[in-house]
C-alpha cells in the first residue's frame, strides 16, 4: 500500500467480524461482514492524536472508499473519528 493521506486525514482498514463466537459457534460466511464503524489505522497524514495500528470508531457513512489489491480501505477526515478503541 503506497497511499499516504494528506492533511488531517487517515487511511483506515475496516475491521472484519469474527467468524466464530466466543462459545465456539461458527457463523455463516459472508463477504461484507465488517464491524460497524470500526477500523485499524494504516497510514496517517498531519495528525498527532492517533498513531498507525490503533483501532478507531468513526461516524457512520463517512469517508471515501478505495480498493487496493482487492482490499477495501477508507480515507477519513479527522473530524469523522469519534474515539480510539482499546
PDB file of N, CA and C in Angstrom:
ATOM      1  N   UNK A   1       0.864  -1.175   0.000  1.00  0.00           N
ATOM      2  CA  UNK A   1       0.000   0.000   0.000  1.00  0.00           C
ATOM      3  C   UNK A   1       0.904   1.230   0.000  1.00  0.00           C
ATOM      4  N   UNK A   2       0.831   1.999  -1.058  1.00  0.00           N
ATOM      5  CA  UNK A   2       1.621   3.216  -1.184  1.00  0.00           C
ATOM      6  C   UNK A   2       0.751   4.455  -1.172  1.00  0.00           C
ATOM      7  N   UNK A   3      -0.280   4.471  -0.348  1.00  0.00           N
ATOM      8  CA  UNK A   3      -1.161   5.627  -0.249  1.00  0.00           C
ATOM      9  C   UNK A   3      -0.880   6.337   1.060  1.00  0.00           C
ATOM     10  N   UNK A   4      -0.544   7.613   0.978  1.00  0.00           N
ATOM     11  CA  UNK A   4      -0.302   8.422   2.168  1.00  0.00           C
ATOM     12  C   UNK A   4      -1.296   9.562   2.168  1.00  0.00           C
ATOM     13  N   UNK A   5      -2.176   9.588   3.175  1.00  0.00           N
ATOM     14  CA  UNK A   5      -3.158  10.672   3.245  1.00  0.00           C
ATOM     15  C   UNK A   5      -2.470  12.020   3.463  1.00  0.00           C
ATOM     16  N   UNK A   6      -3.073  13.076   2.940  1.00  0.00           N
ATOM     17  CA  UNK A   6      -2.534  14.417   3.161  1.00  0.00           C
ATOM     18  C   UNK A   6      -3.497  15.189   4.061  1.00  0.00           C
ATOM     19  N   UNK A   7      -2.979  16.205   4.696  1.00  0.00           N
ATOM     20  CA  UNK A   7      -3.797  16.997   5.609  1.00  0.00           C
ATOM     21  C   UNK A   7      -4.199  16.178   6.820  1.00  0.00           C
ATOM     22  N   UNK A   8      -5.311  16.528   7.407  1.00  0.00           N
ATOM     23  CA  UNK A   8      -5.789  15.830   8.600  1.00  0.00           C
ATOM     24  C   UNK A   8      -6.696  14.671   8.196  1.00  0.00           C
ATOM     25  N   UNK A   9      -6.081  13.682   7.537  1.00  0.00           N
ATOM     26  CA  UNK A   9      -6.812  12.509   7.066  1.00  0.00           C
ATOM     27  C   UNK A   9      -6.107  11.235   7.511  1.00  0.00           C
ATOM     28  N   UNK A  10      -6.888  10.140   7.537  1.00  0.00           N
ATOM     29  CA  UNK A  10      -6.376   8.833   7.930  1.00  0.00           C
ATOM     30  C   UNK A  10      -6.743   7.806   6.867  1.00  0.00           C
ATOM     31  N   UNK A  11      -5.882   6.823   6.666  1.00  0.00           N
ATOM     32  CA  UNK A  11      -6.197   5.668   5.843  1.00  0.00           C
ATOM     33  C   UNK A  11      -6.531   4.534   6.801  1.00  0.00           C
ATOM     34  N   UNK A  12      -7.749   4.000   6.701  1.00  0.00           N
ATOM     35  CA  UNK A  12      -8.260   3.029   7.666  1.00  0.00           C
ATOM     36  C   UNK A  12      -8.710   1.768   6.948  1.00  0.00           C
ATOM     37  N   UNK A  13      -8.371   0.619   7.529  1.00  0.00           N
ATOM     38  CA  UNK A  13      -8.866  -0.657   7.020  1.00  0.00           C
ATOM     39  C   UNK A  13     -10.013  -1.079   7.934  1.00  0.00           C
ATOM     40  N   UNK A  14     -11.246  -1.164   7.391  1.00  0.00           N
ATOM     41  CA  UNK A  14     -12.378  -1.575   8.227  1.00  0.00           C
ATOM     42  C   UNK A  14     -12.143  -2.960   8.832  1.00  0.00           C
ATOM     43  N   UNK A  15     -12.528  -3.125  10.103  1.00  0.00           N
ATOM     44  CA  UNK A  15     -12.347  -4.402  10.791  1.00  0.00           C
ATOM     45  C   UNK A  15     -13.418  -5.389  10.355  1.00  0.00           C
ATOM     46  N   UNK A  16     -13.021  -6.644  10.225  1.00  0.00           N
ATOM     47  CA  UNK A  16     -13.959  -7.700   9.858  1.00  0.00           C
ATOM     48  C   UNK A  16     -14.485  -8.368  11.120  1.00  0.00           C
ATOM     49  N   UNK A  17     -15.732  -8.860  11.028  1.00  0.00           N
ATOM     50  CA  UNK A  17     -16.339  -9.554  12.159  1.00  0.00           C
ATOM     51  C   UNK A  17     -15.681 -10.908  12.361  1.00  0.00           C
ATOM     52  N   UNK A  18     -15.714 -11.386  13.598  1.00  0.00           N
ATOM     53  CA  UNK A  18     -15.197 -12.714  13.912  1.00  0.00           C
ATOM     54  C   UNK A  18     -16.058 -13.766  13.216  1.00  0.00           C
ATOM     55  N   UNK A  19     -15.435 -14.789  12.704  1.00  0.00           N
ATOM     56  CA  UNK A  19     -16.150 -15.877  12.054  1.00  0.00           C
ATOM     57  C   UNK A  19     -16.686 -16.877  13.079  1.00  0.00           C
ATOM     58  N   UNK A  20     -16.204 -16.783  14.342  1.00  0.00           N
ATOM     59  CA  UNK A  20     -16.598 -17.723  15.372  1.00  0.00           C
ATOM     60  C   UNK A  20     -16.937 -16.950  16.644  1.00  0.00           C
ATOM     61  N   UNK A  21     -17.993 -17.332  17.343  1.00  0.00           N
ATOM     62  CA  UNK A  21     -18.353 -16.671  18.596  1.00  0.00           C
ATOM     63  C   UNK A  21     -17.434 -17.143  19.718  1.00  0.00           C
ATOM     64  N   UNK A  22     -17.482 -16.477  20.857  1.00  0.00           N
ATOM     65  CA  UNK A  22     -16.622 -16.853  21.983  1.00  0.00           C
ATOM     66  C   UNK A  22     -16.956 -18.244  22.509  1.00  0.00           C
ATOM     67  N   UNK A  23     -18.187 -18.708  22.298  1.00  0.00           N
ATOM     68  CA  UNK A  23     -18.567 -20.054  22.751  1.00  0.00           C
ATOM     69  C   UNK A  23     -18.236 -21.127  21.716  1.00  0.00           C
ATOM     70  N   UNK A  24     -17.689 -20.719  20.562  1.00  0.00           N
ATOM     71  CA  UNK A  24     -17.250 -21.679  19.558  1.00  0.00           C
ATOM     72  C   UNK A  24     -18.214 -21.919  18.420  1.00  0.00           C
ATOM     73  N   UNK A  25     -19.313 -21.174  18.365  1.00  0.00           N
ATOM     74  CA  UNK A  25     -20.272 -21.343  17.279  1.00  0.00           C
ATOM     75  C   UNK A  25     -19.730 -20.666  16.028  1.00  0.00           C
ATOM     76  N   UNK A  26     -19.674 -21.395  14.933  1.00  0.00           N
ATOM     77  CA  UNK A  26     -19.165 -20.850  13.674  1.00  0.00           C
ATOM     78  C   UNK A  26     -20.296 -20.117  12.964  1.00  0.00           C
ATOM     79  N   UNK A  27     -20.038 -18.871  12.600  1.00  0.00           N
ATOM     80  CA  UNK A  27     -21.026 -18.049  11.917  1.00  0.00           C
ATOM     81  C   UNK A  27     -20.959 -18.299  10.413  1.00  0.00           C
ATOM     82  N   UNK A  28     -22.086 -18.203   9.706  1.00  0.00           N
ATOM     83  CA  UNK A  28     -22.049 -18.378   8.252  1.00  0.00           C
ATOM     84  C   UNK A  28     -21.179 -17.309   7.605  1.00  0.00           C
ATOM     85  N   UNK A  29     -20.455 -17.698   6.572  1.00  0.00           N
ATOM     86  CA  UNK A  29     -19.546 -16.751   5.934  1.00  0.00           C
ATOM     87  C   UNK A  29     -20.299 -15.810   5.009  1.00  0.00           C
ATOM     88  N   UNK A  30     -19.761 -14.600   4.922  1.00  0.00           N
ATOM     89  CA  UNK A  30     -20.319 -13.585   4.028  1.00  0.00           C
ATOM     90  C   UNK A  30     -19.171 -12.656   3.660  1.00  0.00           C
ATOM     91  N   UNK A  31     -19.192 -12.117   2.469  1.00  0.00           N
ATOM     92  CA  UNK A  31     -18.095 -11.272   2.005  1.00  0.00           C
ATOM     93  C   UNK A  31     -18.019  -9.938   2.726  1.00  0.00           C
ATOM     94  N   UNK A  32     -19.149  -9.330   3.040  1.00  0.00           N
ATOM     95  CA  UNK A  32     -19.160  -7.974   3.573  1.00  0.00           C
ATOM     96  C   UNK A  32     -19.452  -7.902   5.060  1.00  0.00           C
ATOM     97  N   UNK A  33     -18.938  -8.833   5.835  1.00  0.00           N
ATOM     98  CA  UNK A  33     -19.157  -8.766   7.275  1.00  0.00           C
ATOM     99  C   UNK A  33     -18.058  -7.924   7.901  1.00  0.00           C
ATOM    100  N   UNK A  34     -18.375  -6.696   8.202  1.00  0.00           N
ATOM    101  CA  UNK A  34     -17.422  -5.811   8.860  1.00  0.00           C
ATOM    102  C   UNK A  34     -18.021  -5.305  10.149  1.00  0.00           C
ATOM    103  N   UNK A  35     -17.159  -4.972  11.093  1.00  0.00           N
ATOM    104  CA  UNK A  35     -17.595  -4.392  12.354  1.00  0.00           C
ATOM    105  C   UNK A  35     -18.060  -2.980  12.040  1.00  0.00           C
ATOM    106  N   UNK A  36     -19.290  -2.617  12.393  1.00  0.00           N
ATOM    107  CA  UNK A  36     -19.801  -1.295  12.038  1.00  0.00           C
ATOM    108  C   UNK A  36     -18.960  -0.169  12.634  1.00  0.00           C
ATOM    109  N   UNK A  37     -18.519   0.726  11.773  1.00  0.00           N
ATOM    110  CA  UNK A  37     -17.856   1.961  12.177  1.00  0.00           C
ATOM    111  C   UNK A  37     -16.564   1.760  12.961  1.00  0.00           C
ATOM    112  N   UNK A  38     -15.867   0.661  12.769  1.00  0.00           N
ATOM    113  CA  UNK A  38     -14.576   0.444  13.428  1.00  0.00           C
ATOM    114  C   UNK A  38     -13.542   0.044  12.393  1.00  0.00           C
ATOM    115  N   UNK A  39     -12.312   0.508  12.601  1.00  0.00           N
ATOM    116  CA  UNK A  39     -11.247   0.161  11.678  1.00  0.00           C
ATOM    117  C   UNK A  39      -9.883   0.334  12.308  1.00  0.00           C
ATOM    118  N   UNK A  40      -8.869  -0.164  11.619  1.00  0.00           N
ATOM    119  CA  UNK A  40      -7.486  -0.040  12.066  1.00  0.00           C
ATOM    120  C   UNK A  40      -6.777   0.985  11.194  1.00  0.00           C
ATOM    121  N   UNK A  41      -6.061   1.900  11.826  1.00  0.00           N
ATOM    122  CA  UNK A  41      -5.356   2.965  11.118  1.00  0.00           C
ATOM    123  C   UNK A  41      -4.130   2.371  10.423  1.00  0.00           C
ATOM    124  N   UNK A  42      -4.047   2.555   9.110  1.00  0.00           N
ATOM    125  CA  UNK A  42      -2.950   2.020   8.312  1.00  0.00           C
ATOM    126  C   UNK A  42      -1.905   3.106   8.031  1.00  0.00           C
ATOM    127  N   UNK A  43      -2.360   4.327   7.757  1.00  0.00           N
ATOM    128  CA  UNK A  43      -1.459   5.443   7.482  1.00  0.00           C
ATOM    129  C   UNK A  43      -2.129   6.732   7.940  1.00  0.00           C
ATOM    130  N   UNK A  44      -1.299   7.728   8.270  1.00  0.00           N
ATOM    131  CA  UNK A  44      -1.839   8.998   8.744  1.00  0.00           C
ATOM    132  C   UNK A  44      -1.215  10.159   7.983  1.00  0.00           C
ATOM    133  N   UNK A  45      -1.965  11.246   7.912  1.00  0.00           N
ATOM    134  CA  UNK A  45      -1.454  12.487   7.347  1.00  0.00           C
ATOM    135  C   UNK A  45      -0.896  13.341   8.479  1.00  0.00           C
ATOM    136  N   UNK A  46      -1.305  14.588   8.543  1.00  0.00           N
ATOM    137  CA  UNK A  46      -0.832  15.523   9.565  1.00  0.00           C
ATOM    138  C   UNK A  46      -1.719  15.420  10.803  1.00  0.00           C
ATOM    139  N   UNK A  47      -1.638  14.276  11.487  1.00  0.00           N
ATOM    140  CA  UNK A  47      -2.459  14.017  12.671  1.00  0.00           C
ATOM    141  C   UNK A  47      -1.546  13.612  13.817  1.00  0.00           C
ATOM    142  N   UNK A  48      -1.720  14.246  14.978  1.00  0.00           N
ATOM    143  CA  UNK A  48      -0.878  13.933  16.134  1.00  0.00           C
ATOM    144  C   UNK A  48      -1.571  13.037  17.157  1.00  0.00           C
ATOM    145  N   UNK A  49      -2.907  13.055  17.208  1.00  0.00           N
ATOM    146  CA  UNK A  49      -3.637  12.355  18.258  1.00  0.00           C
ATOM    147  C   UNK A  49      -3.720  10.844  18.063  1.00  0.00           C
ATOM    148  N   UNK A  50      -3.563  10.381  16.840  1.00  0.00           N
ATOM    149  CA  UNK A  50      -3.746   8.967  16.518  1.00  0.00           C
ATOM    150  C   UNK A  50      -2.485   8.437  15.852  1.00  0.00           C
ATOM    151  N   UNK A  51      -2.173   7.160  16.164  1.00  0.00           N
ATOM    152  CA  UNK A  51      -0.990   6.524  15.588  1.00  0.00           C
ATOM    153  C   UNK A  51      -1.413   5.341  14.714  1.00  0.00           C
ATOM    154  N   UNK A  52      -0.545   4.938  13.802  1.00  0.00           N
ATOM    155  CA  UNK A  52      -0.841   3.773  12.968  1.00  0.00           C
ATOM    156  C   UNK A  52      -0.949   2.540  13.853  1.00  0.00           C
ATOM    157  N   UNK A  53      -1.838   1.639  13.475  1.00  0.00           N
ATOM    158  CA  UNK A  53      -2.044   0.419  14.240  1.00  0.00           C
ATOM    159  C   UNK A  53      -3.159   0.516  15.274  1.00  0.00           C
ATOM    160  N   UNK A  54      -3.588   1.738  15.606  1.00  0.00           N
ATOM    161  CA  UNK A  54      -4.664   1.890  16.580  1.00  0.00           C
ATOM    162  C   UNK A  54      -6.007   1.590  15.934  1.00  0.00           C
ATOM    163  N   UNK A  55      -6.943   1.109  16.755  1.00  0.00           N
ATOM    164  CA  UNK A  55      -8.302   0.857  16.289  1.00  0.00           C
ATOM    165  C   UNK A  55      -9.147   2.064  16.665  1.00  0.00           C
ATOM    166  N   UNK A  56      -9.956   2.506  15.714  1.00  0.00           N
ATOM    167  CA  UNK A  56     -10.765   3.700  15.933  1.00  0.00           C
ATOM    168  C   UNK A  56     -12.239   3.425  15.650  1.00  0.00           C
ATOM    169  N   UNK A  57     -13.077   4.292  16.200  1.00  0.00           N
ATOM    170  CA  UNK A  57     -14.509   4.302  15.912  1.00  0.00           C
ATOM    171  C   UNK A  57     -14.759   5.575  15.119  1.00  0.00           C
ATOM    172  N   UNK A  58     -15.482   5.457  14.003  1.00  0.00           N
ATOM    173  CA  UNK A  58     -15.731   6.620  13.156  1.00  0.00           C
ATOM    174  C   UNK A  58     -17.218   6.750  12.844  1.00  0.00           C
ATOM    175  N   UNK A  59     -17.609   7.918  12.353  1.00  0.00           N
ATOM    176  CA  UNK A  59     -19.007   8.199  12.035  1.00  0.00           C
ATOM    177  C   UNK A  59     -19.505   7.281  10.926  1.00  0.00           C
ATOM    178  N   UNK A  60     -20.771   6.921  11.030  1.00  0.00           N
ATOM    179  CA  UNK A  60     -21.400   6.089  10.014  1.00  0.00           C
ATOM    180  C   UNK A  60     -21.496   6.867   8.699  1.00  0.00           C
ATOM    181  N   UNK A  61     -21.315   6.195   7.585  1.00  0.00           N
ATOM    182  CA  UNK A  61     -21.388   6.767   6.235  1.00  0.00           C
ATOM    183  C   UNK A  61     -20.331   7.844   5.990  1.00  0.00           C
ATOM    184  N   UNK A  62     -19.202   7.768   6.653  1.00  0.00           N
ATOM    185  CA  UNK A  62     -18.161   8.777   6.439  1.00  0.00           C
ATOM    186  C   UNK A  62     -17.010   8.183   5.630  1.00  0.00           C
ATOM    187  N   UNK A  63     -16.198   9.048   5.074  1.00  0.00           N
ATOM    188  CA  UNK A  63     -15.006   8.631   4.363  1.00  0.00           C
ATOM    189  C   UNK A  63     -15.238   8.296   2.903  1.00  0.00           C
ATOM    190  N   UNK A  64     -14.130   8.098   2.221  1.00  0.00           N
ATOM    191  CA  UNK A  64     -14.120   7.718   0.815  1.00  0.00           C
ATOM    192  C   UNK A  64     -13.529   6.322   0.714  1.00  0.00           C
ATOM    193  N   UNK A  65     -14.273   5.407   0.112  1.00  0.00           N
ATOM    194  CA  UNK A  65     -13.817   4.028  -0.005  1.00  0.00           C
ATOM    195  C   UNK A  65     -12.923   3.864  -1.220  1.00  0.00           C
ATOM    196  N   UNK A  66     -11.786   3.190  -1.015  1.00  0.00           N
ATOM    197  CA  UNK A  66     -10.877   2.874  -2.116  1.00  0.00           C
ATOM    198  C   UNK A  66     -10.510   1.396  -2.025  1.00  0.00           C
ATOM    199  N   UNK A  67     -10.061   0.822  -3.137  1.00  0.00           N
ATOM    200  CA  UNK A  67      -9.670  -0.581  -3.173  1.00  0.00           C
ATOM    201  C   UNK A  67      -8.251  -0.677  -3.717  1.00  0.00           C
ATOM    202  N   UNK A  68      -7.434  -1.487  -3.033  1.00  0.00           N
ATOM    203  CA  UNK A  68      -6.056  -1.721  -3.464  1.00  0.00           C
ATOM    204  C   UNK A  68      -5.772  -3.208  -3.285  1.00  0.00           C
ATOM    205  N   UNK A  69      -5.432  -3.899  -4.346  1.00  0.00           N
ATOM    206  CA  UNK A  69      -5.153  -5.341  -4.310  1.00  0.00           C
ATOM    207  C   UNK A  69      -6.304  -6.112  -3.675  1.00  0.00           C
ATOM    208  N   UNK A  70      -7.525  -5.771  -4.061  1.00  0.00           N
ATOM    209  CA  UNK A  70      -8.746  -6.407  -3.590  1.00  0.00           C
ATOM    210  C   UNK A  70      -9.026  -6.186  -2.101  1.00  0.00           C
ATOM    211  N   UNK A  71      -8.287  -5.311  -1.446  1.00  0.00           N
ATOM    212  CA  UNK A  71      -8.545  -4.932  -0.057  1.00  0.00           C
ATOM    213  C   UNK A  71      -9.253  -3.586  -0.063  1.00  0.00           C
ATOM    214  N   UNK A  72     -10.263  -3.442   0.800  1.00  0.00           N
ATOM    215  CA  UNK A  72     -11.001  -2.186   0.886  1.00  0.00           C
ATOM    216  C   UNK A  72     -10.459  -1.336   2.027  1.00  0.00           C
ATOM    217  N   UNK A  73     -10.315  -0.036   1.755  1.00  0.00           N
ATOM    218  CA  UNK A  73      -9.842   0.928   2.735  1.00  0.00           C
ATOM    219  C   UNK A  73     -10.748   2.153   2.706  1.00  0.00           C
ATOM    220  N   UNK A  74     -10.672   2.959   3.762  1.00  0.00           N
ATOM    221  CA  UNK A  74     -11.381   4.230   3.823  1.00  0.00           C
ATOM    222  C   UNK A  74     -10.382   5.340   4.060  1.00  0.00           C
ATOM    223  N   UNK A  75     -10.590   6.466   3.405  1.00  0.00           N
ATOM    224  CA  UNK A  75      -9.845   7.671   3.740  1.00  0.00           C
ATOM    225  C   UNK A  75     -10.818   8.547   4.519  1.00  0.00           C
ATOM    226  N   UNK A  76     -10.483   8.804   5.791  1.00  0.00           N
ATOM    227  CA  UNK A  76     -11.353   9.545   6.689  1.00  0.00           C
ATOM    228  C   UNK A  76     -10.766  10.891   7.052  1.00  0.00           C
ATOM    229  N   UNK A  77     -11.631  11.870   7.207  1.00  0.00           N
ATOM    230  CA  UNK A  77     -11.235  13.157   7.775  1.00  0.00           C
ATOM    231  C   UNK A  77     -11.090  12.968   9.285  1.00  0.00           C
ATOM    232  N   UNK A  78     -10.218  13.711   9.907  1.00  0.00           N
ATOM    233  CA  UNK A  78     -10.034  13.613  11.356  1.00  0.00           C
ATOM    234  C   UNK A  78     -11.325  13.929  12.103  1.00  0.00           C
ATOM    235  N   UNK A  79     -12.177  14.809  11.558  1.00  0.00           N
ATOM    236  CA  UNK A  79     -13.436  15.173  12.210  1.00  0.00           C
ATOM    237  C   UNK A  79     -14.412  13.996  12.280  1.00  0.00           C
ATOM    238  N   UNK A  80     -14.217  12.978  11.423  1.00  0.00           N
ATOM    239  CA  UNK A  80     -15.102  11.821  11.416  1.00  0.00           C
ATOM    240  C   UNK A  80     -14.733  10.772  12.469  1.00  0.00           C
ATOM    241  N   UNK A  81     -13.576  10.908  13.095  1.00  0.00           N
ATOM    242  CA  UNK A  81     -13.140   9.964  14.122  1.00  0.00           C
ATOM    243  C   UNK A  81     -13.781  10.337  15.450  1.00  0.00           C
ATOM    244  N   UNK A  82     -14.455   9.363  16.064  1.00  0.00           N
ATOM    245  CA  UNK A  82     -15.148   9.600  17.321  1.00  0.00           C
ATOM    246  C   UNK A  82     -14.355   9.155  18.540  1.00  0.00           C
ATOM    247  N   UNK A  83     -13.598   8.059  18.423  1.00  0.00           N
ATOM    248  CA  UNK A  83     -12.882   7.517  19.584  1.00  0.00           C
ATOM    249  C   UNK A  83     -11.795   6.554  19.154  1.00  0.00           C
ATOM    250  N   UNK A  84     -10.862   6.315  20.071  1.00  0.00           N
ATOM    251  CA  UNK A  84      -9.844   5.274  19.899  1.00  0.00           C
ATOM    252  C   UNK A  84     -10.288   4.107  20.760  1.00  0.00           C
ATOM    253  N   UNK A  85     -10.389   2.919  20.175  1.00  0.00           N
ATOM    254  CA  UNK A  85     -10.810   1.720  20.895  1.00  0.00           C
ATOM    255  C   UNK A  85      -9.575   1.016  21.468  1.00  0.00           C
ATOM    256  N   UNK A  86      -9.710   0.551  22.689  1.00  0.00           N
ATOM    257  CA  UNK A  86      -8.585  -0.157  23.328  1.00  0.00           C
ATOM    258  C   UNK A  86      -8.871  -1.622  23.456  1.00  0.00           C
TER     259      UNK A  86
END
